[in-house]
Protein backbone atom coordinates (compact mmCIF):
# COMPACT_ATOMS: atom_id res chain seq x y z
CA MET A 1 160.78 -20.89 -52.74
CA THR A 2 164.32 -21.52 -51.55
CA ARG A 3 166.93 -19.17 -53.02
CA ILE A 4 170.69 -19.64 -53.17
CA VAL A 5 173.82 -18.32 -54.78
CA LEU A 6 175.50 -21.22 -56.53
CA ASP A 7 179.26 -21.27 -56.86
CA THR A 8 180.48 -22.21 -60.32
CA ASN A 9 182.25 -25.31 -59.06
CA ILE A 10 178.89 -26.86 -58.19
CA LEU A 11 177.68 -26.50 -61.77
CA VAL A 12 180.90 -28.08 -63.04
CA PHE A 13 180.76 -31.01 -60.63
CA SER A 14 177.05 -31.55 -61.29
CA LEU A 15 177.84 -32.07 -64.97
CA LEU A 16 180.94 -34.18 -64.31
CA SER A 17 179.19 -36.53 -61.88
CA PRO A 18 175.42 -36.82 -62.33
CA HIS A 19 174.93 -38.81 -59.12
CA GLY A 20 176.69 -36.66 -56.53
CA ALA A 21 175.43 -33.95 -54.20
CA PRO A 22 176.20 -31.15 -56.70
CA ALA A 23 173.95 -32.90 -59.23
CA GLY A 24 171.27 -33.02 -56.54
CA ILE A 25 171.48 -29.25 -56.23
CA LEU A 26 171.21 -28.79 -60.00
CA ASP A 27 168.24 -31.16 -60.02
CA LEU A 28 166.45 -28.96 -57.47
CA VAL A 29 167.18 -25.92 -59.61
CA VAL A 30 165.93 -27.36 -62.90
CA ASN A 31 162.84 -28.77 -61.21
CA GLY A 32 161.91 -25.34 -59.87
CA LYS A 33 162.44 -26.12 -56.19
CA VAL A 34 165.41 -23.76 -55.80
CA THR A 35 165.93 -20.37 -57.43
CA LEU A 36 169.41 -19.21 -58.32
CA ILE A 37 170.22 -15.63 -57.36
CA LEU A 38 172.94 -14.11 -59.53
CA ASP A 39 174.16 -11.09 -61.39
CA SER A 40 175.66 -10.64 -64.83
CA ARG A 41 179.20 -11.31 -63.55
CA ILE A 42 178.21 -14.69 -62.13
CA PHE A 43 176.25 -15.58 -65.26
CA SER A 44 179.29 -14.72 -67.41
CA GLU A 45 181.54 -16.84 -65.22
CA TYR A 46 179.17 -19.80 -65.49
CA ARG A 47 179.19 -19.54 -69.28
CA GLU A 48 182.94 -19.08 -69.56
CA VAL A 49 183.83 -21.97 -67.24
CA LEU A 50 181.28 -24.44 -68.61
CA ASN A 51 182.54 -23.80 -72.14
CA ARG A 52 186.19 -24.53 -71.29
CA LYS A 53 187.61 -27.18 -73.60
CA LYS A 54 189.16 -29.08 -70.70
CA PHE A 55 185.69 -30.16 -69.56
CA SER A 56 184.42 -31.19 -73.00
CA PHE A 57 180.82 -30.56 -72.01
CA PRO A 58 178.50 -30.81 -75.02
CA GLY A 59 177.90 -27.30 -76.32
CA ASP A 60 174.16 -27.84 -76.72
CA ALA A 61 173.86 -29.02 -73.11
CA VAL A 62 175.74 -25.97 -71.84
CA ALA A 63 173.65 -23.68 -74.05
CA SER A 64 170.42 -25.23 -72.74
CA LEU A 65 171.54 -24.92 -69.13
CA MET A 66 172.62 -21.32 -69.61
CA GLU A 67 169.33 -20.50 -71.33
CA TYR A 68 167.43 -22.02 -68.41
CA ILE A 69 169.49 -20.11 -65.84
CA GLY A 70 169.08 -16.92 -67.86
CA GLN A 71 165.31 -17.28 -67.87
CA GLU A 72 164.67 -18.76 -64.44
CA GLY A 73 167.45 -17.26 -62.34
CA LEU A 74 166.79 -14.09 -60.40
CA PHE A 75 169.21 -11.42 -61.60
CA ILE A 76 170.00 -8.62 -59.19
CA THR A 77 172.36 -5.68 -58.95
CA PRO A 78 174.06 -6.00 -55.57
CA VAL A 79 175.58 -3.22 -53.54
CA PRO A 80 179.37 -3.33 -53.97
CA LEU A 81 181.24 -4.37 -50.83
CA ARG A 82 184.58 -2.99 -49.76
CA ILE A 83 186.07 -6.17 -48.38
CA LEU A 84 189.27 -8.01 -49.11
CA VAL A 85 188.91 -11.61 -50.18
CA PRO A 86 191.66 -14.11 -51.01
CA ASP A 87 190.24 -14.59 -54.53
CA PRO A 88 188.72 -11.44 -56.07
CA GLY A 89 186.70 -13.73 -58.37
CA ASP A 90 184.67 -14.75 -55.32
CA LEU A 91 183.51 -11.20 -54.61
CA PRO A 92 180.47 -11.26 -56.95
CA PHE A 93 179.14 -14.36 -55.18
CA ILE A 94 179.64 -12.75 -51.76
CA GLU A 95 178.05 -9.46 -52.85
CA VAL A 96 174.97 -11.19 -54.29
CA ALA A 97 174.56 -13.47 -51.26
CA CYS A 98 175.00 -10.59 -48.83
CA HIS A 99 172.61 -8.32 -50.74
CA GLU A 100 169.85 -10.95 -50.81
CA GLY A 101 170.56 -12.63 -47.46
CA VAL A 102 170.87 -16.08 -49.02
CA PRO A 103 173.53 -18.77 -48.62
CA ILE A 104 176.30 -19.59 -51.05
CA VAL A 105 176.40 -23.28 -51.93
CA THR A 106 179.96 -24.23 -52.79
CA GLY A 107 182.52 -26.98 -52.70
CA ASN A 108 185.12 -24.45 -51.52
CA ILE A 109 183.85 -23.28 -48.14
CA ARG A 110 187.27 -21.98 -47.12
CA HIS A 111 187.13 -19.39 -49.93
CA PHE A 112 184.12 -17.79 -48.26
CA ARG A 113 184.78 -18.56 -44.59
CA ASP A 114 185.32 -15.00 -43.37
CA SER A 115 183.00 -13.28 -45.85
CA GLY A 116 180.11 -12.68 -43.47
CA VAL A 117 177.63 -14.73 -45.51
CA GLN A 118 176.20 -18.17 -44.83
CA VAL A 119 178.14 -20.83 -46.73
CA MET A 120 177.07 -24.44 -47.23
CA THR A 121 178.36 -27.50 -49.00
CA PRO A 122 175.95 -29.24 -51.37
CA ALA A 123 175.54 -32.09 -48.87
CA GLU A 124 174.70 -29.62 -46.07
CA PHE A 125 172.16 -27.87 -48.26
CA LEU A 126 170.54 -31.13 -49.33
CA SER A 127 170.28 -32.28 -45.70
CA LEU A 128 168.00 -29.31 -44.90
CA ASP A 129 165.14 -30.93 -46.78
């Protein structure tokens, strides 16, 4: 089973555009081909961002997705890292990926460039198949 840390922007883009590469990643997740690795901070960020009014995502769709991730995602407690990152909000994703030795799939590679973890775009991840 392939495991990844999924940046929040991929969830957002997968819901905004159901035919793009981010949607392909979400499809792999909901079909059980990819397991999301996360912690409670990442899960909270997913919920908070997907419920923002500016996106107007249907509440029942967000609730269903969050329920699925809550049940099927692998929750861990990573070792805290003492590294400086441009956006402190990225640190949970880096810590989880580093702890589990899995890549971060993101649309913002530059945010994670010098983090020491493998970082991939959705298209790069999908091309591995």
